[in-house]
Protein backbone atom coordinates (compact mmCIF):
# COMPACT_ATOMS: atom_id res chain seq x y z
CA MET A 1 -37.27 -210.04 76.26
CA THR A 2 -35.98 -213.27 74.77
CA ALA A 3 -37.93 -214.64 71.85
CA THR A 4 -39.35 -218.07 72.55
CA ARG A 5 -38.70 -220.56 69.82
CA PHE A 6 -41.59 -222.77 68.84
CA HIS A 7 -41.04 -226.51 69.00
CA PRO A 8 -43.53 -228.73 67.28
CA LYS A 9 -44.92 -231.78 68.90
CA PRO A 10 -43.26 -235.09 68.18
CA LEU A 11 -44.36 -236.53 64.91
CA PRO A 12 -45.77 -240.00 64.54
CA MET A 13 -43.82 -242.73 62.88
CA TRP A 14 -44.64 -241.99 59.26
CA PRO A 15 -42.85 -243.31 56.28
CA ARG A 16 -39.49 -241.62 55.84
CA ARG A 17 -40.41 -240.10 52.49
CA GLU A 18 -43.51 -238.33 53.85
CA ALA A 19 -41.79 -237.28 57.06
CA ARG A 20 -39.00 -235.56 55.13
CA ALA A 21 -41.55 -233.60 53.10
CA HIS A 22 -43.46 -232.78 56.29
CA LEU A 23 -40.42 -231.41 58.04
CA GLY A 24 -39.37 -229.51 54.93
CA VAL A 25 -42.56 -227.47 55.07
CA TRP A 26 -42.01 -226.48 58.68
CA GLN A 27 -38.31 -225.73 58.26
CA ARG A 28 -39.01 -223.55 55.26
CA ASP A 29 -41.84 -221.45 56.75
CA ARG A 30 -41.11 -221.64 60.52
CA GLN A 31 -44.51 -220.24 61.32
CA PRO A 32 -46.51 -221.77 64.19
CA MET A 33 -49.82 -221.32 62.42
CA ASP A 34 -48.66 -223.38 59.44
CA VAL A 35 -47.58 -226.16 61.74
CA ARG A 36 -50.90 -226.15 63.58
CA VAL A 37 -52.68 -226.54 60.30
CA TRP A 38 -51.11 -229.88 59.50
CA ALA A 39 -50.07 -231.05 62.98
CA GLN A 40 -53.52 -231.25 64.60
CA PRO A 41 -54.68 -234.83 65.09
CA MET A 42 -58.10 -235.83 63.82
CA GLY A 43 -58.86 -238.43 66.40
CA ARG A 44 -60.57 -241.43 64.96
CA GLN A 45 -61.27 -239.71 61.62
CA ARG A 46 -59.51 -241.08 58.57
CA GLY A 47 -56.14 -239.47 58.00
CA LEU A 48 -53.20 -239.87 55.71
CA ARG A 49 -52.51 -243.60 55.33
CA GLY A 50 -54.52 -244.31 58.45
CA GLN A 51 -52.17 -242.42 60.79
CA GLY A 52 -54.86 -240.03 62.17
CA PHE A 53 -53.56 -236.95 60.34
CA THR A 54 -54.85 -235.05 57.32
CA CYS A 55 -51.66 -233.31 56.31
CA GLY A 56 -52.22 -233.32 52.53
CA ARG A 57 -55.76 -231.97 52.75
CA LYS A 58 -54.84 -229.35 55.34
CA LEU A 59 -51.94 -228.17 53.24
CA ARG A 60 -54.12 -227.89 50.17
CA MET A 61 -56.65 -225.83 52.18
CA ALA A 62 -53.90 -223.55 53.41
CA GLY A 63 -52.44 -223.15 49.93
CA LEU A 64 -49.07 -224.59 50.93
CA ARG A 65 -46.96 -226.69 48.64
CA GLY A 66 -44.17 -228.92 49.83
CA PRO A 67 -41.38 -230.48 47.81
CA GLY A 68 -41.42 -234.00 46.56
CA VAL A 69 -44.57 -236.08 46.46
CA TRP A 70 -46.92 -233.46 47.96
CA ALA A 71 -46.06 -230.64 45.53
CA ARG A 72 -48.45 -231.90 42.88
CA GLY A 73 -51.33 -232.46 45.23
CA CYS A 74 -51.07 -229.00 46.80
CA ARG A 75 -51.64 -227.03 43.61
CA ARG A 76 -54.94 -225.17 43.41
CA PRO A 77 -56.70 -224.88 40.06
CA TRP A 78 -57.39 -221.48 38.43
CA GLU A 79 -61.12 -221.86 38.95
CA GLU A 80 -60.60 -222.15 42.68
CA LEU A 81 -58.20 -219.23 42.84
CA LEU A 82 -60.46 -216.92 40.86
CA ALA A 83 -63.72 -218.04 42.45
CA GLY A 84 -65.50 -215.17 44.15
CA ARG A 85 -63.08 -212.54 42.80
CA VAL A 86 -63.92 -212.26 39.13
CA LYS A 87 -67.57 -212.36 38.15
CA ARG A 88 -68.24 -213.87 34.80
CA GLN A 89 -69.82 -211.34 32.45
CA LYS A 90 -72.91 -212.23 30.52
CA HIS A 91 -72.63 -212.69 26.79
CA ASN A 92 -73.42 -209.44 25.00
CA PRO A 93 -73.15 -209.33 21.19
CA GLU A 94 -72.73 -205.52 21.17
CA ASN A 95 -69.84 -205.60 23.64
CA GLU A 96 -68.26 -208.46 21.70
CA GLN A 97 -68.43 -206.47 18.46
CA LYS A 98 -66.99 -203.36 20.13
CA LEU A 99 -64.17 -205.46 21.59
CA LYS A 100 -63.36 -206.88 18.15
CA GLU A 101 -63.31 -203.41 16.58
CA SER A 102 -61.09 -202.07 19.38
CA ALA A 103 -58.70 -204.98 18.94
CA VAL A 104 -58.49 -204.43 15.18
CA GLN A 105 -57.84 -200.70 15.69
CA LEU A 106 -55.15 -201.47 18.26
CA LEU A 107 -53.37 -203.85 15.91
CA ARG A 108 -53.61 -201.44 12.98
CA ARG A 109 -52.22 -198.54 14.95
CA HIS A 110 -49.29 -200.41 16.42
CA GLN A 111 -48.20 -202.48 13.48
CA ASN A 112 -44.76 -201.41 12.30
CA LEU A 113 -44.10 -202.51 8.77
CA GLU A 114 -40.68 -200.86 8.81
CA ASP A 115 -39.44 -203.09 11.62
CA LEU A 116 -40.85 -206.11 9.85
CA LEU A 117 -39.02 -205.30 6.64
CA LEU A 118 -35.82 -204.55 8.51
CA GLU A 119 -35.99 -208.01 10.09
CA VAL A 120 -36.33 -209.65 6.68
CA GLU A 121 -33.83 -207.62 4.64
CA GLU A 122 -31.35 -204.85 5.02
CA PRO A 123 -32.78 -201.34 4.71
CA PRO A 124 -35.58 -201.71 2.16
CA CYS A 125 -36.45 -198.02 2.00
CA LYS A 126 -34.03 -197.15 -0.78
CA LYS A 127 -34.94 -200.22 -2.78
CA LEU A 128 -38.67 -199.59 -2.43
CA CYS A 129 -38.70 -195.92 -3.44
CA LEU A 130 -39.35 -194.93 -7.03
CA SER A 131 -36.67 -192.26 -7.09
CA LYS A 132 -35.36 -193.16 -10.54
CA LEU A 133 -38.84 -193.25 -11.98
CA ILE A 134 -40.09 -189.95 -10.59
CA ASP A 135 -36.85 -188.17 -11.43
CA SER A 136 -37.14 -189.18 -15.08
CA ASN A 137 -38.28 -186.48 -17.49
CA SER A 138 -39.30 -188.97 -20.15
CA ALA A 139 -42.92 -188.92 -21.30
CA GLU A 140 -42.94 -192.73 -21.11
CA ALA A 141 -41.70 -192.78 -17.53
CA CYS A 142 -45.08 -193.79 -16.14
CA SER A 143 -46.57 -195.65 -19.07
CA ASP A 144 -48.61 -198.80 -18.60
CA HIS A 145 -45.59 -200.93 -19.44
CA VAL A 146 -43.54 -199.36 -16.67
CA SER A 147 -46.41 -199.60 -14.19
CA SER A 148 -46.94 -203.24 -15.14
CA PHE A 149 -43.26 -203.93 -14.57
CA ILE A 150 -43.46 -202.24 -11.15
CA GLY A 151 -46.49 -204.33 -10.23
CA SER A 152 -44.73 -207.54 -11.22
CA ALA A 153 -41.64 -206.58 -9.24
CA LEU A 154 -43.78 -205.78 -6.21
CA ARG A 155 -45.46 -209.19 -6.35
CA ASP A 156 -42.12 -210.96 -6.45
CA ARG A 157 -40.73 -208.89 -3.62
CA ALA A 158 -43.83 -209.31 -1.46
CA LEU A 159 -43.69 -213.07 -1.99
CA ARG A 160 -40.03 -213.15 -1.00
CA LEU A 161 -40.59 -211.03 2.10
CA GLY A 162 -43.81 -212.75 3.12
CA VAL A 163 -45.92 -209.56 3.35
CA PRO A 164 -49.08 -208.55 1.44
CA VAL A 165 -48.32 -206.87 -1.85
CA ALA A 166 -50.89 -204.12 -1.14
CA VAL A 167 -49.14 -203.19 2.11
CA LEU A 168 -45.72 -203.22 0.45
CA ALA A 169 -46.97 -201.02 -2.40
CA ALA A 170 -48.51 -198.55 0.07
CA ARG A 171 -45.20 -198.21 1.87
CA MET A 172 -43.34 -197.76 -1.40
CA VAL A 173 -45.61 -194.89 -2.53
CA ALA A 174 -45.54 -193.24 0.91
CA CYS A 175 -41.73 -193.43 0.98
CA SER A 176 -41.55 -191.83 -2.45
CA MET A 177 -44.01 -189.11 -1.43
CA GLU A 178 -41.83 -188.30 1.57
CA GLN A 179 -38.81 -187.94 -0.69
CA VAL A 180 -40.66 -185.56 -3.02
CA CYS A 181 -41.73 -183.30 -0.12
CA ALA A 182 -38.40 -183.51 1.68
CA GLU A 183 -37.07 -180.17 0.38
CA PRO A 184 -40.06 -177.83 0.12
CA SER A 185 -39.74 -174.47 -1.59
CA HIS A 186 -43.05 -173.32 -0.10
CA PRO A 187 -44.72 -173.95 3.28
CA VAL A 188 -47.76 -175.73 1.82
CA LEU A 189 -47.44 -175.70 -1.99
CA LEU A 190 -45.39 -177.82 -4.37
CA SER A 191 -42.95 -176.39 -6.85
CA SER A 192 -43.38 -177.07 -10.57
CA GLU A 193 -40.73 -179.78 -10.45
CA GLN A 194 -42.33 -181.39 -7.42
CA ARG A 195 -45.73 -181.36 -9.14
CA LYS A 196 -44.29 -183.37 -12.04
CA LYS A 197 -42.83 -185.94 -9.66
CA VAL A 198 -46.06 -186.21 -7.68
CA SER A 199 -48.03 -186.63 -10.90
CA SER A 200 -45.79 -189.52 -12.00
CA LEU A 201 -46.05 -191.11 -8.58
CA LEU A 202 -49.85 -190.86 -8.54
CA ASP A 203 -50.04 -192.53 -11.94
CA VAL A 204 -48.27 -195.53 -10.46
CA ALA A 205 -50.56 -195.49 -7.43
CA GLN A 206 -53.66 -195.41 -9.63
CA TYR A 207 -52.38 -198.41 -11.60
CA LEU A 208 -51.81 -200.32 -8.36
CA LEU A 209 -55.29 -199.40 -7.13
CA THR A 210 -56.87 -200.57 -10.37
CA HIS A 211 -55.18 -203.97 -10.05
CA SER A 212 -55.99 -204.38 -6.31
CA MET A 213 -52.37 -204.02 -5.28
CA PHE A 214 -52.66 -200.97 -3.01
CA SER A 215 -53.90 -200.64 0.58
CA ARG A 216 -55.40 -197.22 1.29
CA LEU A 217 -55.41 -197.77 5.05
CA SER A 218 -51.74 -198.76 5.18
CA PHE A 219 -50.87 -195.85 2.92
CA CYS A 220 -52.63 -193.37 5.21
CA GLN A 221 -50.85 -194.75 8.25
CA GLU A 222 -47.48 -194.52 6.52
CA LEU A 223 -48.19 -190.90 5.51
CA TRP A 224 -49.06 -189.84 9.05
CA ARG A 225 -45.75 -191.23 10.26
CA VAL A 226 -44.00 -188.62 8.11
CA GLN A 227 -46.58 -185.83 8.52
CA SER A 228 -43.92 -183.31 9.56
CA SER A 229 -42.50 -183.36 6.02
CA LEU A 230 -45.84 -183.70 4.25
CA LEU A 231 -47.03 -180.73 2.16
CA LEU A 232 -50.70 -179.82 2.08
CA GLU A 233 -50.84 -179.67 -1.71
CA ALA A 234 -49.47 -183.21 -1.94
CA VAL A 235 -52.29 -184.40 0.33
CA TRP A 236 -54.80 -182.52 -1.81
CA CYS A 237 -53.38 -184.11 -4.98
CA LEU A 238 -54.06 -187.53 -3.50
CA HIS A 239 -57.69 -186.45 -3.11
CA VAL A 240 -58.01 -184.98 -6.61
CA HIS A 241 -56.50 -188.06 -8.27
CA SER A 242 -58.79 -190.38 -6.25
CA VAL A 243 -55.93 -192.23 -4.60
CA VAL A 244 -57.04 -191.38 -1.05
CA SER A 245 -59.81 -188.91 -0.22
CA LEU A 246 -59.30 -186.12 2.29
CA ARG A 247 -62.01 -187.60 4.47
CA GLU A 248 -60.38 -191.04 4.52
CA LEU A 249 -56.96 -189.58 5.21
CA LEU A 250 -58.09 -187.40 8.12
CA GLU A 251 -60.20 -190.17 9.63
CA SER A 252 -57.25 -192.56 9.59
CA HIS A 253 -55.20 -190.42 12.00
CA PRO A 254 -55.11 -192.11 15.43
CA GLU A 255 -54.96 -188.87 17.47
CA ALA A 256 -57.68 -186.23 17.17
CA GLN A 257 -55.66 -183.40 18.74
CA ALA A 258 -52.66 -184.02 16.51
CA VAL A 259 -54.62 -183.99 13.27
CA THR A 260 -56.52 -180.88 14.44
CA ALA A 261 -53.30 -178.99 15.09
CA TRP A 262 -51.75 -180.17 11.81
CA LEU A 263 -54.72 -179.13 9.68
CA PHE A 264 -55.22 -175.81 11.47
CA GLY A 265 -51.59 -174.83 11.00
CA ASN A 266 -51.57 -175.77 7.34
CA LEU A 267 -54.84 -173.93 6.62
CA CYS A 268 -53.43 -170.78 8.22
CA LEU A 269 -50.33 -171.06 6.03
CA LEU A 270 -52.48 -171.69 2.98
CA CYS A 271 -54.56 -168.56 3.62
CA GLU A 272 -51.42 -166.51 4.15
CA GLN A 273 -49.89 -167.70 0.86
CA MET A 274 -52.98 -167.39 -1.34
CA GLU A 275 -51.46 -164.47 -3.23
CA ALA A 276 -47.83 -165.60 -3.11
CA SER A 277 -47.86 -167.14 -6.58
CA CYS A 278 -50.10 -166.02 -9.40
CA GLN A 279 -49.60 -169.32 -11.21
CA SER A 280 -50.92 -171.25 -8.20
CA GLY A 281 -53.93 -168.99 -7.58
CA ASP A 282 -56.50 -171.43 -8.93
CA THR A 283 -54.85 -174.33 -7.13
CA THR A 284 -54.88 -172.61 -3.73
CA ARG A 285 -58.53 -171.56 -4.10
CA ALA A 286 -59.53 -175.08 -5.06
CA MET A 287 -57.56 -176.50 -2.12
CA LEU A 288 -59.20 -174.16 0.38
CA SER A 289 -62.66 -174.83 -1.04
CA ASP A 290 -62.25 -178.60 -0.85
CA PHE A 291 -60.98 -178.54 2.72
CA VAL A 292 -63.76 -176.21 3.89
CA GLN A 293 -66.37 -178.35 2.17
CA LEU A 294 -65.06 -181.46 3.94
CA LEU A 295 -64.94 -179.77 7.35
CA VAL A 296 -68.43 -178.26 7.10
CA LEU A 297 -70.02 -181.51 5.99
CA ARG A 298 -68.28 -183.56 8.66
CA ALA A 299 -69.08 -181.05 11.43
CA PHE A 300 -72.71 -180.19 10.64
CA GLN A 301 -74.14 -183.02 8.56
CA GLU A 302 -76.24 -185.45 10.56
CA ASN A 303 -76.28 -189.23 10.19
CA SER A 304 -73.01 -189.27 8.29
CA ASN A 305 -71.01 -192.47 7.98
CA VAL A 306 -67.54 -192.11 9.37
CA GLY A 307 -64.36 -193.96 8.62
CA ARG A 308 -63.35 -197.30 10.01
CA THR A 309 -60.29 -196.26 11.95
CA MET A 310 -61.62 -193.34 13.96
CA GLU A 311 -64.44 -193.47 16.49
CA PRO A 312 -67.80 -192.15 15.20
CA GLU A 313 -67.80 -189.06 17.40
CA LYS A 314 -64.18 -188.03 16.74
CA MET A 315 -64.25 -186.83 13.16
CA PRO A 316 -67.11 -184.32 13.66
CA GLN A 317 -65.25 -183.03 16.70
CA VAL A 318 -62.05 -182.64 14.71
CA ALA A 319 -63.82 -180.79 11.90
CA LEU A 320 -65.65 -178.48 14.32
CA ALA A 321 -62.47 -177.82 16.29
CA VAL A 322 -60.57 -176.80 13.15
CA LEU A 323 -63.36 -174.42 12.05
CA GLN A 324 -63.53 -172.86 15.51
CA LYS A 325 -59.77 -172.43 15.73
CA MET A 326 -59.69 -170.71 12.33
CA LEU A 327 -62.43 -168.26 13.32
CA SER A 328 -60.83 -167.61 16.73
CA PHE A 329 -57.53 -166.89 14.99
CA ALA A 330 -59.26 -164.40 12.69
CA LEU A 331 -61.17 -162.64 15.48
CA ASP A 332 -58.11 -162.40 17.72
CA SER A 333 -56.10 -160.96 14.83
CA LEU A 334 -58.77 -158.32 14.24
CA ALA A 335 -58.84 -157.41 17.92
CA ALA A 336 -55.04 -157.06 17.98
CA GLY A 337 -55.01 -154.78 14.94
CA LEU A 338 -53.93 -155.70 11.43
CA GLN A 339 -51.82 -154.03 8.80
CA GLU A 340 -53.09 -154.54 5.30
CA GLU A 341 -49.87 -156.04 3.94
CA SER A 342 -49.24 -158.37 6.85
CA PRO A 343 -49.58 -162.16 6.41
CA ALA A 344 -52.20 -162.26 9.18
CA TYR A 345 -54.35 -159.74 7.33
CA LYS A 346 -54.21 -161.85 4.17
CA ALA A 347 -55.02 -164.98 6.12
CA VAL A 348 -58.09 -163.39 7.75
CA ARG A 349 -59.31 -161.91 4.46
CA TRP A 350 -59.07 -165.21 2.62
CA TRP A 351 -60.69 -167.15 5.44
CA PHE A 352 -63.63 -164.73 5.51
CA ASP A 353 -63.85 -165.19 1.74
CA VAL A 354 -64.85 -168.79 2.50
CA PHE A 355 -68.29 -167.45 3.50
CA SER A 356 -68.93 -165.94 0.08
CA ALA A 357 -71.55 -167.40 -2.24
CA HIS A 358 -69.12 -168.70 -4.87
CA SER A 359 -67.15 -170.64 -2.25
CA CYS A 360 -70.17 -172.22 -0.54
CA CYS A 361 -72.30 -173.05 -3.56
CA VAL A 362 -71.10 -176.68 -3.56
CA ILE A 363 -72.24 -177.35 0.04
CA ALA A 364 -75.76 -178.54 0.83
CA PRO A 365 -78.04 -175.78 2.22
CA ASP A 366 -78.85 -177.42 5.56
CA PRO A 367 -75.28 -177.99 6.87
CA LEU A 368 -74.22 -174.67 5.35
CA LYS A 369 -76.89 -172.77 7.27
CA LYS A 370 -75.89 -174.53 10.49
CA PHE A 371 -72.28 -173.58 9.84
CA PHE A 372 -73.18 -169.91 9.29
CA ARG A 373 -75.34 -169.78 12.39
CA HIS A 374 -72.61 -171.40 14.48
CA THR A 375 -70.12 -168.87 13.11
CA LEU A 376 -72.37 -165.95 14.07
CA VAL A 377 -72.83 -167.31 17.59
CA GLN A 378 -69.09 -167.82 18.04
CA THR A 379 -68.38 -164.31 16.71
CA LEU A 380 -70.79 -162.71 19.20
CA THR A 381 -69.53 -164.73 22.18
CA HIS A 382 -65.79 -164.85 21.49
CA SER A 383 -63.71 -163.21 24.25
CA PRO A 384 -66.48 -161.57 26.34
CA VAL A 385 -64.25 -159.22 28.36
CA LEU A 386 -66.35 -156.04 28.41
CA LYS A 387 -69.12 -155.27 30.89
CA VAL A 388 -72.31 -153.34 30.21
CA SER A 389 -70.83 -150.23 31.82
CA ASP A 390 -67.86 -150.45 29.45
CA ALA A 391 -70.22 -150.82 26.51
CA VAL A 392 -72.10 -147.65 27.48
CA GLN A 393 -68.89 -145.63 27.62
CA MET A 394 -67.29 -147.05 24.45
CA GLN A 395 -70.38 -147.45 22.30
CA SER A 396 -69.68 -144.45 20.12
CA ARG A 397 -66.45 -146.09 18.87
CA TRP A 398 -68.32 -149.12 17.51
CA SER A 399 -70.36 -147.49 14.80
CA PHE A 400 -70.48 -148.81 11.26
CA SER A 401 -67.88 -146.35 10.01
CA ARG A 402 -65.40 -147.41 12.71
CA THR A 403 -65.89 -151.17 12.38
CA HIS A 404 -63.13 -153.07 10.61
CA PRO A 405 -64.01 -153.74 6.94
CA LEU A 406 -63.16 -157.41 7.27
CA LEU A 407 -65.63 -157.82 10.14
CA ILE A 408 -68.29 -155.96 8.15
CA SER A 409 -67.73 -158.31 5.20
CA LEU A 410 -68.12 -161.32 7.50
CA TYR A 411 -71.42 -160.00 8.91
CA CYS A 412 -72.79 -159.23 5.46
CA ARG A 413 -71.97 -162.70 4.13
CA LEU A 414 -73.53 -164.35 7.16
CA PHE A 415 -76.72 -162.27 6.84
CA MET A 416 -77.00 -163.05 3.15
CA MET A 417 -77.32 -166.72 4.01
CA LEU A 418 -79.28 -166.44 7.26
CA SER A 419 -81.59 -163.51 6.34
CA PRO A 420 -82.05 -160.56 8.75
CA GLU A 421 -84.93 -162.31 10.56
CA GLU A 422 -82.80 -165.34 11.45
CA ALA A 423 -79.86 -163.11 12.33
CA ILE A 424 -81.88 -161.03 14.82
CA SER A 425 -83.41 -164.19 16.29
CA CYS A 426 -79.91 -165.63 16.73
CA VAL A 427 -78.64 -162.42 18.39
CA GLN A 428 -81.63 -162.42 20.74
CA GLU A 429 -81.02 -166.04 21.79
CA VAL A 430 -77.34 -165.39 22.40
CA LEU A 431 -78.09 -162.37 24.59
CA GLU A 432 -80.55 -164.40 26.66
CA GLU A 433 -78.38 -167.48 27.18
CA GLN A 434 -74.67 -166.61 27.00
CA GLU A 435 -72.03 -164.06 27.90
CA VAL A 436 -71.40 -161.85 24.88
CA ASN A 437 -68.77 -159.59 23.43
CA TRP A 438 -70.66 -156.28 23.45
CA GLN A 439 -68.44 -154.71 20.83
CA ARG A 440 -69.32 -157.38 18.26
CA VAL A 441 -72.99 -157.49 19.24
CA LEU A 442 -73.45 -153.76 18.80
CA SER A 443 -71.35 -153.61 15.62
CA CYS A 444 -73.56 -156.40 14.32
CA VAL A 445 -76.63 -154.20 14.98
CA SER A 446 -74.99 -151.33 13.08
CA VAL A 447 -74.31 -153.56 10.07
CA LEU A 448 -77.91 -154.82 10.11
CA VAL A 449 -79.60 -151.42 10.10
CA THR A 450 -77.08 -149.92 7.65
CA CYS A 451 -76.71 -152.63 5.01
CA PHE A 452 -80.15 -154.24 5.22
CA PRO A 453 -83.01 -151.70 5.17
CA GLU A 454 -85.58 -154.43 5.87
CA ALA A 455 -83.84 -155.08 9.19
CA GLN A 456 -84.64 -151.60 10.55
CA GLN A 457 -88.26 -152.45 11.30
CA LEU A 458 -87.19 -155.82 12.67
CA VAL A 459 -84.88 -154.06 15.14
CA ARG A 460 -87.74 -151.73 16.20
CA ASP A 461 -90.01 -154.70 16.84
CA TRP A 462 -87.30 -156.49 18.78
CA VAL A 463 -86.69 -153.43 20.99
CA ALA A 464 -90.45 -153.08 21.57
CA ARG A 465 -90.62 -156.68 22.81
CA LEU A 466 -87.68 -156.08 25.11
CA MET A 467 -89.26 -152.98 26.62
CA ALA A 468 -92.64 -154.66 27.03
CA GLY A 469 -91.04 -157.58 28.83
CA ALA A 470 -89.02 -155.22 31.03
CA PHE A 471 -92.10 -153.24 32.15
CA GLU A 472 -94.28 -156.31 32.69
CA SER A 473 -91.80 -158.47 34.61
CA PHE A 474 -89.45 -155.75 35.91
CA HIS A 475 -86.58 -157.40 34.03
CA LEU A 476 -83.70 -154.94 34.19
CA ASP A 477 -81.46 -156.84 31.74
CA SER A 478 -84.07 -156.58 28.99
CA MET A 479 -84.32 -152.82 29.49
CA VAL A 480 -80.55 -152.34 29.45
CA THR A 481 -80.27 -154.43 26.27
CA ALA A 482 -83.01 -152.39 24.61
CA PHE A 483 -81.33 -149.08 25.50
CA LEU A 484 -77.95 -150.29 24.14
CA VAL A 485 -79.48 -151.54 20.88
CA VAL A 486 -81.42 -148.30 20.33
CA ARG A 487 -78.38 -146.15 21.07
CA GLN A 488 -76.30 -148.19 18.64
CA ALA A 489 -78.87 -148.05 15.86
CA ALA A 490 -79.32 -144.30 16.38
CA LEU A 491 -75.58 -143.79 15.78
CA GLU A 492 -76.14 -144.67 12.11
CA GLY A 493 -78.31 -141.60 11.49
CA PRO A 494 -82.04 -140.92 11.02
CA ALA A 495 -82.09 -142.82 7.73
CA ALA A 496 -81.44 -146.03 9.66
CA PHE A 497 -83.11 -145.33 12.99
CA PRO A 498 -84.77 -142.39 14.85
CA PRO A 499 -82.58 -140.34 17.19
CA TYR A 500 -82.20 -141.79 20.64
CA ALA A 501 -83.78 -138.78 22.39
CA ASP A 502 -86.89 -138.89 20.23
CA TRP A 503 -87.27 -142.62 20.72
CA PHE A 504 -86.82 -142.28 24.48
CA LYS A 505 -89.50 -139.57 24.77
CA GLY A 506 -91.90 -141.54 22.62
CA LYS A 507 -91.33 -144.70 24.59
CA LEU A 508 -91.91 -142.99 27.95
CA ARG A 509 -95.01 -141.24 26.65
CA GLY A 510 -96.34 -144.51 25.27
CA SER A 511 -95.65 -146.40 28.46
CA GLY A 512 -97.31 -143.69 30.55
CA GLN A 513 -100.46 -143.72 28.43
CA SER A 514 -100.64 -147.51 28.57
CA ARG A 515 -100.31 -147.37 32.38
CA LEU A 516 -103.16 -144.81 32.59
CA ARG A 517 -105.38 -147.08 30.51
CA ARG A 518 -104.76 -149.98 32.89
CA ASP A 519 -105.38 -147.93 36.08
CA PRO A 520 -109.11 -147.45 37.05
């Protein structure tokens, strides 16, 4: 079938200039519909220059633009293009404030001072680092005169480069810190020589802070860019010398998962190396205590003010995630079996030592109790792979004498803070609401009745409530739980709990007599 070519109707005698533009539109598009739009006569209505046509208006309605004189008249304003497509939002002060904060965070996270300095001068890194100063063994290396000279030089350099002196000083200190940690002799600790260099560097940073020439936020951002070569003790030294607190440093990290993984890995290494150096024993204990204190307070303290660079809900999540990962690592290591001299054994032992009284005395009682309760719940529910039938068959292997000493120490430290009453209440709630690891639940019962004599009567009362509820509401799970708890407590001998057979006979006799009293 042959395609029929469309031929427009003869045009009226327009001025040559307008006719050329008119024909240019048709020759460019060659679409019949476009031609109909501008070629229809309007009868006696007013047209373009009185010729009976409304070409300009029709073209503007169709959104067409021709060359020459009509191009300007055919443009449609933005308001007309966007009308009906984008609804104007109402003014909301809260949304406006959130938008401003998001914009500030976006600019802070994506600013690259290194590229800026490279555009101004040739590589500034070597010139900005204090390598000669921190390598000096002189006692006057970091005196006030030297620090004053450094501050004056920084002002001149910042003025020449056109950047804030506080930002330039933060980059200089971060670059020097990277150089100090570049060749570590230990996974997380500094050597004696590195400690001297860090001490000299922190003296300079303190002088700059005192004279308002140091940006903490820029310094934190520069540190996280080199976090792969950053040693944990160097970060802790910044906290001890009040240059940047641990809280401020962790909150300044833009990615929650990255800072969680970094801190978890370094805490594991710190626990493994607690006994590696006798000279650093006090330092490692202080480091672990400070980090745990920060994590517990950030995870379990309510109405806490968070940093400016991380969303309010992120830092508690990071702290809780690190604590959970540390406990999961310890429980998985215990389940896999540990040799006493292995690094994993040392790591688990030192992490469980965190729950001792001397380590937790600096934390407020309310968040500390929440932390202990959360730890007990996670211990009882971690890796629930065994069924009730498996628990019945393997129960004899979970007595107090066969439980790992590290797990016993964890239970005892938790019960010292929670008290046996709160511990049993917590175990009861977990059994009612969640899937549990029966091995840890029953070993927890053994530790309670063995190490805490006052808990023996509490266990009897708990079992009595379970049996009463089972007989009244025909709740099979309550009865099974009661039988497992009694069997486990009876494994610890008559000094802790009556034999299972005697308890069973007494319970059946008591239930039969109570049924006879109810029957007429």
